[in-house]
Amino acid sequence: MTQNSTITTLTPEPWAKGLYFGESPRWHAASNTLYVSDMIGRKIYTIDNAGETSVLLEEENQPNGMAFMDNNTLITSSMFDAKLYRYQLDTKKTELYADLSAVMTGYCGDMVIDHKGRVFIDDTGARVLHGETPRPGRLLMVEPDTKKVSSVAENIVFPNGIGIDSTGKNLYLAATFTYHLYKFSLDADTGALNNQETIWDAHELATVANKEHTRFCGIDGICIDAQDCMWLSMLGYQMFIRRDKNGAITHQIHVDGDATACALGGSDGKTLFLVVNKVPKGEDLFDAMVGKRTKCSIMTVRVDVGAATGV
């Protein structure tokens, strides 16, 4: 791990609360609104500039990853029945977008949509909230026209955060339980992923965070900024870090709870939204989630480099 002599520590401010377990924050610039999934609360919320939450949708089978296909179209995932839905912001109507149930081996996880409209979405490999033991999952791709579903990366142990850089040629994927951050070459014509490379092993962060390793100390959500540097949600380390293209950690943000996901937004793109989920002390994460004993808070911090203008 390349490391700067000085890591800038930023202090976040509280912004919104009231969710059980927040995931997949997405900023919608046209309306100056943050969209957030509440997996355990089975709702998708919008949050305005003042931090006021409103229920956008209720999803009985638990929402998780989501992404904007364009300014008027939000693609959402439904974990337990392995389906994607399309929500039109102008008409407020929801319709089935793609049914992944024939190929999904676990749950729908995080997603990203490329410039061609292809949806890349995690298949977690196991239904851990239903008592299954974690096992390798994969990354699925959904074609925009035919809705054909194919696997584009295999043997990923709990695939999680995902992002595409400003060139549209590189896709990044976190494997939480192996602590790995992968980089793939993304074929612009076919959507195929090639040249899989492990670019970071998050075990190395222990020297910075002074934390013990647990299976929940890997990377969760990913956010890529305008310099193609990555904000990484370091789950059990209870911190968010910014990692530059050379592998140096430039910034860190400590939080009281599991650093789950993040997104850049705000009027100038330089507000970093932090999703922090807290589990009662001594409890297993999955048990606490099933029992609705988790609590989510969303925090903000101002940063120097704003959101990327691409994917």
C-alpha atoms as a PDB file:
ATOM      1  CA  MET A   1       0.000   0.000   0.000  1.00  0.00           C
ATOM      2  CA  THR A   2       1.379   3.362  -1.059  1.00  0.00           C
ATOM      3  CA  GLN A   3       0.707   5.880   1.660  1.00  0.00           C
ATOM      4  CA  ASN A   4       0.999   9.646   1.893  1.00  0.00           C
ATOM      5  CA  SER A   5       3.085  11.064   4.731  1.00  0.00           C
ATOM      6  CA  THR A   6      -0.034  12.930   5.809  1.00  0.00           C
ATOM      7  CA  ILE A   7      -3.571  11.620   5.702  1.00  0.00           C
ATOM      8  CA  THR A   8      -6.205  14.338   5.995  1.00  0.00           C
ATOM      9  CA  THR A   9      -8.868  13.564   8.584  1.00  0.00           C
ATOM     10  CA  LEU A  10     -12.309  15.010   7.893  1.00  0.00           C
ATOM     11  CA  THR A  11     -15.091  15.385  10.447  1.00  0.00           C
ATOM     12  CA  PRO A  12     -18.638  14.546   9.315  1.00  0.00           C
ATOM     13  CA  GLU A  13     -21.841  16.239  10.399  1.00  0.00           C
ATOM     14  CA  PRO A  14     -25.160  14.486  11.149  1.00  0.00           C
ATOM     15  CA  TRP A  15     -27.749  14.983   8.427  1.00  0.00           C
ATOM     16  CA  ALA A  16     -30.595  12.427   8.427  1.00  0.00           C
ATOM     17  CA  LYS A  17     -31.772   9.422  10.427  1.00  0.00           C
ATOM     18  CA  GLY A  18     -34.776   7.167  10.955  1.00  0.00           C
ATOM     19  CA  LEU A  19     -33.848   4.267   8.646  1.00  0.00           C
ATOM     20  CA  TYR A  20     -33.159   0.721   9.836  1.00  0.00           C
ATOM     21  CA  PHE A  21     -30.353  -0.183   7.434  1.00  0.00           C
ATOM     22  CA  GLY A  22     -29.353   2.244   4.700  1.00  0.00           C
ATOM     23  CA  GLU A  23     -27.743   1.190   1.425  1.00  0.00           C
ATOM     24  CA  SER A  24     -26.935   2.428  -2.075  1.00  0.00           C
ATOM     25  CA  PRO A  25     -27.166   6.241  -1.776  1.00  0.00           C
ATOM     26  CA  ARG A  26     -27.598   7.899  -5.178  1.00  0.00           C
ATOM     27  CA  TRP A  27     -27.616  11.643  -5.817  1.00  0.00           C
ATOM     28  CA  HIS A  28     -30.121  13.053  -8.331  1.00  0.00           C
ATOM     29  CA  ALA A  29     -28.697  16.372  -9.477  1.00  0.00           C
ATOM     30  CA  ALA A  30     -31.803  17.575 -11.335  1.00  0.00           C
ATOM     31  CA  SER A  31     -33.857  17.626  -8.126  1.00  0.00           C
ATOM     32  CA  ASN A  32     -31.046  18.127  -5.590  1.00  0.00           C
ATOM     33  CA  THR A  33     -32.194  14.985  -3.832  1.00  0.00           C
ATOM     34  CA  LEU A  34     -30.511  11.939  -2.319  1.00  0.00           C
ATOM     35  CA  TYR A  35     -32.117   8.537  -2.862  1.00  0.00           C
ATOM     36  CA  VAL A  36     -31.377   5.802  -0.306  1.00  0.00           C
ATOM     37  CA  SER A  37     -32.520   2.185   0.112  1.00  0.00           C
ATOM     38  CA  ASP A  38     -33.603   1.016   3.548  1.00  0.00           C
ATOM     39  CA  MET A  39     -33.110  -2.732   3.197  1.00  0.00           C
ATOM     40  CA  ILE A  40     -34.601  -3.766   6.516  1.00  0.00           C
ATOM     41  CA  GLY A  41     -37.300  -1.077   6.518  1.00  0.00           C
ATOM     42  CA  ARG A  42     -38.259  -2.279   3.002  1.00  0.00           C
ATOM     43  CA  LYS A  43     -38.522   1.245   1.637  1.00  0.00           C
ATOM     44  CA  ILE A  44     -36.692   3.611  -0.674  1.00  0.00           C
ATOM     45  CA  TYR A  45     -36.414   7.147   0.633  1.00  0.00           C
ATOM     46  CA  THR A  46     -35.710  10.532  -0.843  1.00  0.00           C
ATOM     47  CA  ILE A  47     -33.910  13.067   1.339  1.00  0.00           C
ATOM     48  CA  ASP A  48     -33.975  16.789   0.587  1.00  0.00           C
ATOM     49  CA  ASN A  49     -31.325  19.433   1.260  1.00  0.00           C
ATOM     50  CA  ALA A  50     -32.588  19.938   4.798  1.00  0.00           C
ATOM     51  CA  GLY A  51     -32.199  16.239   5.621  1.00  0.00           C
ATOM     52  CA  GLU A  52     -35.959  15.589   5.619  1.00  0.00           C
ATOM     53  CA  THR A  53     -36.861  12.039   4.556  1.00  0.00           C
ATOM     54  CA  SER A  54     -39.855  10.970   2.464  1.00  0.00           C
ATOM     55  CA  VAL A  55     -40.905   7.477   1.394  1.00  0.00           C
ATOM     56  CA  LEU A  56     -40.628   7.091  -2.370  1.00  0.00           C
ATOM     57  CA  LEU A  57     -41.416   3.375  -2.687  1.00  0.00           C
ATOM     58  CA  GLU A  58     -42.162   0.379  -0.535  1.00  0.00           C
ATOM     59  CA  GLU A  59     -40.536  -2.901  -1.619  1.00  0.00           C
ATOM     60  CA  GLU A  60     -41.842  -5.977   0.180  1.00  0.00           C
ATOM     61  CA  ASN A  61     -38.867  -8.127  -0.833  1.00  0.00           C
ATOM     62  CA  GLN A  62     -36.259  -5.632   0.375  1.00  0.00           C
ATOM     63  CA  PRO A  63     -34.562  -3.045  -1.831  1.00  0.00           C
ATOM     64  CA  ASN A  64     -30.805  -2.928  -2.087  1.00  0.00           C
ATOM     65  CA  GLY A  65     -28.725  -1.584  -4.960  1.00  0.00           C
ATOM     66  CA  MET A  66     -30.099   1.034  -7.325  1.00  0.00           C
ATOM     67  CA  ALA A  67     -28.855   3.446  -9.970  1.00  0.00           C
ATOM     68  CA  PHE A  68     -30.132   6.135 -12.301  1.00  0.00           C
ATOM     69  CA  MET A  69     -30.306   5.073 -15.943  1.00  0.00           C
ATOM     70  CA  ASP A  70     -31.010   8.683 -16.917  1.00  0.00           C
ATOM     71  CA  ASN A  71     -32.392  11.799 -15.236  1.00  0.00           C
ATOM     72  CA  ASN A  72     -35.921  10.406 -15.248  1.00  0.00           C
ATOM     73  CA  THR A  73     -35.365   6.680 -14.714  1.00  0.00           C
ATOM     74  CA  LEU A  74     -34.324   4.899 -11.522  1.00  0.00           C
ATOM     75  CA  ILE A  75     -33.534   1.176 -11.602  1.00  0.00           C
ATOM     76  CA  THR A  76     -34.091  -0.510  -8.235  1.00  0.00           C
ATOM     77  CA  SER A  77     -33.424  -4.044  -7.047  1.00  0.00           C
ATOM     78  CA  SER A  78     -35.598  -6.401  -5.035  1.00  0.00           C
ATOM     79  CA  MET A  79     -33.421  -8.765  -3.009  1.00  0.00           C
ATOM     80  CA  PHE A  80     -35.596 -11.686  -2.064  1.00  0.00           C
ATOM     81  CA  ASP A  81     -37.323 -12.254  -5.425  1.00  0.00           C
ATOM     82  CA  ALA A  82     -34.292 -11.281  -7.568  1.00  0.00           C
ATOM     83  CA  LYS A  83     -36.006  -8.695  -9.746  1.00  0.00           C
ATOM     84  CA  LEU A  84     -35.140  -5.255 -11.062  1.00  0.00           C
ATOM     85  CA  TYR A  85     -37.764  -2.541 -11.338  1.00  0.00           C
ATOM     86  CA  ARG A  86     -37.910   0.676 -13.330  1.00  0.00           C
ATOM     87  CA  TYR A  87     -39.310   3.762 -11.595  1.00  0.00           C
ATOM     88  CA  GLN A  88     -40.198   6.793 -13.731  1.00  0.00           C
ATOM     89  CA  LEU A  89     -39.729  10.000 -11.782  1.00  0.00           C
ATOM     90  CA  ASP A  90     -42.194  12.017 -13.907  1.00  0.00           C
ATOM     91  CA  THR A  91     -45.126   9.593 -13.814  1.00  0.00           C
ATOM     92  CA  LYS A  92     -44.216   8.003 -10.446  1.00  0.00           C
ATOM     93  CA  LYS A  93     -44.936   4.601 -11.969  1.00  0.00           C
ATOM     94  CA  THR A  94     -43.041   1.369 -11.297  1.00  0.00           C
ATOM     95  CA  GLU A  95     -42.768  -1.565 -13.691  1.00  0.00           C
ATOM     96  CA  LEU A  96     -40.735  -4.750 -13.905  1.00  0.00           C
ATOM     97  CA  TYR A  97     -37.429  -4.141 -15.684  1.00  0.00           C
ATOM     98  CA  ALA A  98     -35.739  -7.564 -15.549  1.00  0.00           C
ATOM     99  CA  ASP A  99     -36.329 -10.883 -13.782  1.00  0.00           C
ATOM    100  CA  LEU A 100     -33.047 -12.385 -12.526  1.00  0.00           C
ATOM    101  CA  SER A 101     -34.585 -15.196 -10.491  1.00  0.00           C
ATOM    102  CA  ALA A 102     -33.610 -17.929 -12.971  1.00  0.00           C
ATOM    103  CA  VAL A 103     -29.894 -17.172 -12.540  1.00  0.00           C
ATOM    104  CA  MET A 104     -29.531 -15.495  -9.130  1.00  0.00           C
ATOM    105  CA  THR A 105     -27.848 -17.727  -6.527  1.00  0.00           C
ATOM    106  CA  GLY A 106     -27.960 -15.239  -3.632  1.00  0.00           C
ATOM    107  CA  TYR A 107     -29.361 -11.730  -3.351  1.00  0.00           C
ATOM    108  CA  CYS A 108     -29.306  -8.694  -5.610  1.00  0.00           C
ATOM    109  CA  GLY A 109     -26.569  -6.431  -4.258  1.00  0.00           C
ATOM    110  CA  ASP A 110     -25.023  -3.149  -5.380  1.00  0.00           C
ATOM    111  CA  MET A 111     -25.327  -2.035  -8.986  1.00  0.00           C
ATOM    112  CA  VAL A 112     -23.933   0.387 -11.522  1.00  0.00           C
ATOM    113  CA  ILE A 113     -25.135   1.291 -15.018  1.00  0.00           C
ATOM    114  CA  ASP A 114     -22.650   2.028 -17.815  1.00  0.00           C
ATOM    115  CA  HIS A 115     -22.906   4.503 -20.716  1.00  0.00           C
ATOM    116  CA  LYS A 116     -24.641   1.898 -22.882  1.00  0.00           C
ATOM    117  CA  GLY A 117     -27.383   1.279 -20.322  1.00  0.00           C
ATOM    118  CA  ARG A 118     -26.045  -2.090 -19.201  1.00  0.00           C
ATOM    119  CA  VAL A 119     -26.809  -2.907 -15.580  1.00  0.00           C
ATOM    120  CA  PHE A 120     -24.007  -4.592 -13.617  1.00  0.00           C
ATOM    121  CA  ILE A 121     -25.339  -6.066 -10.377  1.00  0.00           C
ATOM    122  CA  ASP A 122     -23.931  -8.255  -7.618  1.00  0.00           C
ATOM    123  CA  ASP A 123     -25.147 -11.786  -7.038  1.00  0.00           C
ATOM    124  CA  THR A 124     -24.091 -12.316  -3.414  1.00  0.00           C
ATOM    125  CA  GLY A 125     -23.923 -16.106  -3.862  1.00  0.00           C
ATOM    126  CA  ALA A 126     -25.818 -16.978  -0.684  1.00  0.00           C
ATOM    127  CA  ARG A 127     -29.012 -15.912   1.048  1.00  0.00           C
ATOM    128  CA  VAL A 128     -27.296 -15.024   4.292  1.00  0.00           C
ATOM    129  CA  LEU A 129     -30.350 -13.384   5.861  1.00  0.00           C
ATOM    130  CA  HIS A 130     -32.110 -16.713   5.399  1.00  0.00           C
ATOM    131  CA  GLY A 131     -29.405 -18.625   7.281  1.00  0.00           C
ATOM    132  CA  GLU A 132     -27.224 -19.749   4.369  1.00  0.00           C
ATOM    133  CA  THR A 133     -23.456 -19.875   4.867  1.00  0.00           C
ATOM    134  CA  PRO A 134     -21.584 -17.302   2.776  1.00  0.00           C
ATOM    135  CA  ARG A 135     -20.164 -18.740  -0.450  1.00  0.00           C
ATOM    136  CA  PRO A 136     -18.672 -17.237  -3.610  1.00  0.00           C
ATOM    137  CA  GLY A 137     -20.951 -15.091  -5.726  1.00  0.00           C
ATOM    138  CA  ARG A 138     -20.511 -13.278  -9.017  1.00  0.00           C
ATOM    139  CA  LEU A 139     -21.302 -10.197 -11.031  1.00  0.00           C
ATOM    140  CA  LEU A 140     -24.235 -10.245 -13.461  1.00  0.00           C
ATOM    141  CA  MET A 141     -24.889  -8.011 -16.464  1.00  0.00           C
ATOM    142  CA  VAL A 142     -28.317  -7.136 -17.873  1.00  0.00           C
ATOM    143  CA  GLU A 143     -28.511  -6.021 -21.515  1.00  0.00           C
ATOM    144  CA  PRO A 144     -30.615  -2.849 -21.961  1.00  0.00           C
ATOM    145  CA  ASP A 145     -32.676  -3.959 -24.958  1.00  0.00           C
ATOM    146  CA  THR A 146     -33.117  -7.718 -24.638  1.00  0.00           C
ATOM    147  CA  LYS A 147     -32.834  -7.852 -20.811  1.00  0.00           C
ATOM    148  CA  LYS A 148     -30.603 -10.891 -21.331  1.00  0.00           C
ATOM    149  CA  VAL A 149     -28.745 -11.731 -18.114  1.00  0.00           C
ATOM    150  CA  SER A 150     -25.210 -13.126 -18.132  1.00  0.00           C
ATOM    151  CA  SER A 151     -22.423 -13.642 -15.620  1.00  0.00           C
ATOM    152  CA  VAL A 152     -19.398 -11.447 -16.319  1.00  0.00           C
ATOM    153  CA  ALA A 153     -17.259 -12.297 -13.250  1.00  0.00           C
ATOM    154  CA  GLU A 154     -17.244 -15.467 -11.165  1.00  0.00           C
ATOM    155  CA  ASN A 155     -15.937 -16.633  -7.783  1.00  0.00           C
ATOM    156  CA  ILE A 156     -16.250 -13.288  -6.003  1.00  0.00           C
ATOM    157  CA  VAL A 157     -16.633 -13.831  -2.262  1.00  0.00           C
ATOM    158  CA  PHE A 158     -19.493 -11.542  -1.245  1.00  0.00           C
ATOM    159  CA  PRO A 159     -19.381  -9.020  -4.112  1.00  0.00           C
ATOM    160  CA  ASN A 160     -20.327  -5.595  -2.855  1.00  0.00           C
ATOM    161  CA  GLY A 161     -19.388  -2.026  -3.819  1.00  0.00           C
ATOM    162  CA  ILE A 162     -19.095  -1.383  -7.540  1.00  0.00           C
ATOM    163  CA  GLY A 163     -18.120   1.560  -9.721  1.00  0.00           C
ATOM    164  CA  ILE A 164     -17.004   2.570 -13.214  1.00  0.00           C
ATOM    165  CA  ASP A 165     -14.403   5.289 -13.750  1.00  0.00           C
ATOM    166  CA  SER A 166     -14.746   8.372 -15.956  1.00  0.00           C
ATOM    167  CA  THR A 167     -13.252   6.653 -19.003  1.00  0.00           C
ATOM    168  CA  GLY A 168     -15.946   3.989 -18.959  1.00  0.00           C
ATOM    169  CA  LYS A 169     -13.190   1.438 -19.550  1.00  0.00           C
ATOM    170  CA  ASN A 170     -12.521   0.281 -15.980  1.00  0.00           C
ATOM    171  CA  LEU A 171     -14.907  -1.350 -13.541  1.00  0.00           C
ATOM    172  CA  TYR A 172     -14.069  -1.751  -9.844  1.00  0.00           C
ATOM    173  CA  LEU A 173     -15.633  -4.327  -7.532  1.00  0.00           C
ATOM    174  CA  ALA A 174     -15.212  -5.000  -3.815  1.00  0.00           C
ATOM    175  CA  ALA A 175     -15.217  -8.535  -2.391  1.00  0.00           C
ATOM    176  CA  THR A 176     -16.033  -7.875   1.250  1.00  0.00           C
ATOM    177  CA  PHE A 177     -15.178 -11.193   2.875  1.00  0.00           C
ATOM    178  CA  THR A 178     -11.784 -11.548   1.160  1.00  0.00           C
ATOM    179  CA  TYR A 179     -10.938  -7.842   1.681  1.00  0.00           C
ATOM    180  CA  HIS A 180     -10.133  -7.519  -2.039  1.00  0.00           C
ATOM    181  CA  LEU A 181     -10.671  -4.615  -4.403  1.00  0.00           C
ATOM    182  CA  TYR A 182     -10.720  -5.793  -8.016  1.00  0.00           C
ATOM    183  CA  LYS A 183     -10.225  -3.913 -11.263  1.00  0.00           C
ATOM    184  CA  PHE A 184     -11.551  -5.153 -14.600  1.00  0.00           C
ATOM    185  CA  SER A 185     -11.210  -3.867 -18.155  1.00  0.00           C
ATOM    186  CA  LEU A 186     -14.710  -3.117 -19.443  1.00  0.00           C
ATOM    187  CA  ASP A 187     -15.288  -3.783 -23.134  1.00  0.00           C
ATOM    188  CA  ALA A 188     -17.349  -0.839 -24.401  1.00  0.00           C
ATOM    189  CA  ASP A 189     -18.908  -2.868 -27.215  1.00  0.00           C
ATOM    190  CA  THR A 190     -19.898  -6.071 -25.453  1.00  0.00           C
ATOM    191  CA  GLY A 191     -19.819  -5.247 -21.743  1.00  0.00           C
ATOM    192  CA  ALA A 192     -17.419  -8.141 -21.152  1.00  0.00           C
ATOM    193  CA  LEU A 193     -15.020  -7.839 -18.232  1.00  0.00           C
ATOM    194  CA  ASN A 194     -11.395  -8.811 -18.813  1.00  0.00           C
ATOM    195  CA  ASN A 195      -8.008  -8.609 -17.093  1.00  0.00           C
ATOM    196  CA  GLN A 196      -9.215  -9.111 -13.538  1.00  0.00           C
ATOM    197  CA  GLU A 197      -6.641  -7.648 -11.159  1.00  0.00           C
ATOM    198  CA  THR A 198      -6.526  -7.385  -7.377  1.00  0.00           C
ATOM    199  CA  ILE A 199      -5.440  -3.795  -6.848  1.00  0.00           C
ATOM    200  CA  TRP A 200      -5.737  -3.712  -3.055  1.00  0.00           C
ATOM    201  CA  ASP A 201      -6.030  -6.009  -0.075  1.00  0.00           C
ATOM    202  CA  ALA A 202      -7.822  -4.093   2.671  1.00  0.00           C
ATOM    203  CA  HIS A 203      -6.092  -6.090   5.416  1.00  0.00           C
ATOM    204  CA  GLU A 204      -3.347  -3.483   5.011  1.00  0.00           C
ATOM    205  CA  LEU A 205      -5.617  -0.801   6.424  1.00  0.00           C
ATOM    206  CA  ALA A 206      -5.274  -2.299   9.904  1.00  0.00           C
ATOM    207  CA  THR A 207      -2.020  -0.418  10.399  1.00  0.00           C
ATOM    208  CA  VAL A 208      -3.862   2.836   9.777  1.00  0.00           C
ATOM    209  CA  ALA A 209      -7.128   2.045  11.548  1.00  0.00           C
ATOM    210  CA  ASN A 210      -5.555   0.173  14.478  1.00  0.00           C
ATOM    211  CA  LYS A 211      -8.394  -2.358  14.327  1.00  0.00           C
ATOM    212  CA  GLU A 212      -8.519  -6.124  14.540  1.00  0.00           C
ATOM    213  CA  HIS A 213      -9.522  -8.103  11.472  1.00  0.00           C
ATOM    214  CA  THR A 214     -13.032  -9.546  11.364  1.00  0.00           C
ATOM    215  CA  ARG A 215     -15.000 -10.853   8.426  1.00  0.00           C
ATOM    216  CA  PHE A 216     -16.839  -7.517   8.303  1.00  0.00           C
ATOM    217  CA  CYS A 217     -13.758  -5.320   7.965  1.00  0.00           C
ATOM    218  CA  GLY A 218     -13.647  -5.484   4.187  1.00  0.00           C
ATOM    219  CA  ILE A 219     -14.850  -2.899   1.681  1.00  0.00           C
ATOM    220  CA  ASP A 220     -18.558  -2.218   1.308  1.00  0.00           C
ATOM    221  CA  GLY A 221     -19.739   0.683  -0.879  1.00  0.00           C
ATOM    222  CA  ILE A 222     -17.613   2.525  -3.464  1.00  0.00           C
ATOM    223  CA  CYS A 223     -17.848   6.081  -4.797  1.00  0.00           C
ATOM    224  CA  ILE A 224     -15.569   7.449  -7.548  1.00  0.00           C
ATOM    225  CA  ASP A 225     -14.792  11.166  -7.753  1.00  0.00           C
ATOM    226  CA  ALA A 226     -13.845  13.490 -10.621  1.00  0.00           C
ATOM    227  CA  GLN A 227     -10.157  12.547 -10.332  1.00  0.00           C
ATOM    228  CA  ASP A 228     -11.019   8.835 -10.549  1.00  0.00           C
ATOM    229  CA  CYS A 229     -10.006   8.408  -6.921  1.00  0.00           C
ATOM    230  CA  MET A 230     -12.196   6.157  -4.812  1.00  0.00           C
ATOM    231  CA  TRP A 231     -14.018   6.759  -1.590  1.00  0.00           C
ATOM    232  CA  LEU A 232     -14.231   3.343   0.074  1.00  0.00           C
ATOM    233  CA  SER A 233     -16.642   2.387   2.860  1.00  0.00           C
ATOM    234  CA  MET A 234     -14.530   0.341   5.280  1.00  0.00           C
ATOM    235  CA  LEU A 235     -17.294  -1.537   7.026  1.00  0.00           C
ATOM    236  CA  GLY A 236     -16.040  -2.887  10.374  1.00  0.00           C
ATOM    237  CA  TYR A 237     -13.129  -0.445  10.481  1.00  0.00           C
ATOM    238  CA  GLN A 238     -15.775   2.241  11.068  1.00  0.00           C
ATOM    239  CA  MET A 239     -14.186   4.641   8.647  1.00  0.00           C
ATOM    240  CA  PHE A 240     -14.387   5.946   5.101  1.00  0.00           C
ATOM    241  CA  ILE A 241     -11.149   6.461   3.194  1.00  0.00           C
ATOM    242  CA  ARG A 242     -10.171   8.081  -0.091  1.00  0.00           C
ATOM    243  CA  ARG A 243      -7.680   6.081  -2.132  1.00  0.00           C
ATOM    244  CA  ASP A 244      -5.985   7.717  -5.107  1.00  0.00           C
ATOM    245  CA  LYS A 245      -5.016   6.116  -8.418  1.00  0.00           C
ATOM    246  CA  ASN A 246      -1.524   5.346  -7.117  1.00  0.00           C
ATOM    247  CA  GLY A 247      -2.876   3.460  -4.118  1.00  0.00           C
ATOM    248  CA  ALA A 248      -2.215   6.193  -1.549  1.00  0.00           C
ATOM    249  CA  ILE A 249      -4.763   6.900   1.161  1.00  0.00           C
ATOM    250  CA  THR A 250      -5.301  10.662   1.082  1.00  0.00           C
ATOM    251  CA  HIS A 251      -8.266  11.145   3.444  1.00  0.00           C
ATOM    252  CA  GLN A 252     -10.032   9.333   6.259  1.00  0.00           C
ATOM    253  CA  ILE A 253     -13.336   9.871   8.039  1.00  0.00           C
ATOM    254  CA  HIS A 254     -14.037   8.085  11.324  1.00  0.00           C
ATOM    255  CA  VAL A 255     -17.639   7.243  12.205  1.00  0.00           C
ATOM    256  CA  ASP A 256     -19.482   5.571  15.071  1.00  0.00           C
ATOM    257  CA  GLY A 257     -20.864   2.504  13.329  1.00  0.00           C
ATOM    258  CA  ASP A 258     -20.320   0.405  10.217  1.00  0.00           C
ATOM    259  CA  ALA A 259     -19.230   2.470   7.217  1.00  0.00           C
ATOM    260  CA  THR A 260     -21.630   1.017   4.663  1.00  0.00           C
ATOM    261  CA  ALA A 261     -21.951   3.246   1.605  1.00  0.00           C
ATOM    262  CA  CYS A 262     -21.212   6.719   0.272  1.00  0.00           C
ATOM    263  CA  ALA A 263     -22.079   9.032  -2.593  1.00  0.00           C
ATOM    264  CA  LEU A 264     -20.976  12.430  -3.850  1.00  0.00           C
ATOM    265  CA  GLY A 265     -23.561  15.092  -4.573  1.00  0.00           C
ATOM    266  CA  GLY A 266     -24.931  18.404  -3.453  1.00  0.00           C
ATOM    267  CA  SER A 267     -25.298  21.523  -5.590  1.00  0.00           C
ATOM    268  CA  ASP A 268     -21.598  21.524  -6.524  1.00  0.00           C
ATOM    269  CA  GLY A 269     -20.975  17.780  -6.257  1.00  0.00           C
ATOM    270  CA  LYS A 270     -18.623  18.258  -3.311  1.00  0.00           C
ATOM    271  CA  THR A 271     -20.800  16.959  -0.509  1.00  0.00           C
ATOM    272  CA  LEU A 272     -19.958  13.389   0.460  1.00  0.00           C
ATOM    273  CA  PHE A 273     -22.959  11.536   1.889  1.00  0.00           C
ATOM    274  CA  LEU A 274     -22.032   8.783   4.337  1.00  0.00           C
ATOM    275  CA  VAL A 275     -24.356   5.910   5.229  1.00  0.00           C
ATOM    276  CA  VAL A 276     -23.531   4.510   8.673  1.00  0.00           C
ATOM    277  CA  ASN A 277     -25.343   1.508  10.128  1.00  0.00           C
ATOM    278  CA  LYS A 278     -25.025   0.595  13.776  1.00  0.00           C
ATOM    279  CA  VAL A 279     -25.433  -2.878  15.271  1.00  0.00           C
ATOM    280  CA  PRO A 280     -26.046  -3.387  19.019  1.00  0.00           C
ATOM    281  CA  LYS A 281     -22.784  -4.245  20.747  1.00  0.00           C
ATOM    282  CA  GLY A 282     -21.961  -7.931  20.731  1.00  0.00           C
ATOM    283  CA  GLU A 283     -24.642  -8.895  18.209  1.00  0.00           C
ATOM    284  CA  ASP A 284     -24.116 -10.656  14.892  1.00  0.00           C
ATOM    285  CA  LEU A 285     -24.756  -8.301  11.982  1.00  0.00           C
ATOM    286  CA  PHE A 286     -27.131 -10.591  10.110  1.00  0.00           C
ATOM    287  CA  ASP A 287     -29.086 -11.514  13.270  1.00  0.00           C
ATOM    288  CA  ALA A 288     -29.496  -7.836  14.144  1.00  0.00           C
ATOM    289  CA  MET A 289     -30.661  -7.036  10.627  1.00  0.00           C
ATOM    290  CA  VAL A 290     -33.292  -9.769  10.612  1.00  0.00           C
ATOM    291  CA  GLY A 291     -34.488  -8.634  14.049  1.00  0.00           C
ATOM    292  CA  LYS A 292     -34.663  -4.975  12.968  1.00  0.00           C
ATOM    293  CA  ARG A 293     -32.245  -3.977  15.714  1.00  0.00           C
ATOM    294  CA  THR A 294     -29.959  -1.956  13.453  1.00  0.00           C
ATOM    295  CA  LYS A 295     -30.105   1.829  13.163  1.00  0.00           C
ATOM    296  CA  CYS A 296     -28.950   3.973  10.257  1.00  0.00           C
ATOM    297  CA  SER A 297     -27.704   7.521  10.237  1.00  0.00           C
ATOM    298  CA  ILE A 298     -26.638   9.547   7.227  1.00  0.00           C
ATOM    299  CA  MET A 299     -23.866  12.086   7.629  1.00  0.00           C
ATOM    300  CA  THR A 300     -22.256  14.638   5.338  1.00  0.00           C
ATOM    301  CA  VAL A 301     -18.805  16.088   4.893  1.00  0.00           C
ATOM    302  CA  ARG A 302     -17.451  18.647   2.448  1.00  0.00           C
ATOM    303  CA  VAL A 303     -14.619  17.514   0.156  1.00  0.00           C
ATOM    304  CA  ASP A 304     -12.322  19.252  -2.328  1.00  0.00           C
ATOM    305  CA  VAL A 305     -12.931  16.977  -5.314  1.00  0.00           C
ATOM    306  CA  GLY A 306     -16.493  16.532  -6.449  1.00  0.00           C
ATOM    307  CA  ALA A 307     -18.498  13.906  -8.228  1.00  0.00           C
ATOM    308  CA  ALA A 308     -17.430  12.508 -11.569  1.00  0.00           C
ATOM    309  CA  THR A 309     -19.511  13.652 -14.498  1.00  0.00           C
ATOM    310  CA  GLY A 310     -19.568  10.210 -16.107  1.00  0.00           C
ATOM    311  CA  VAL A 311     -21.002   6.939 -14.785  1.00  0.00           C
END
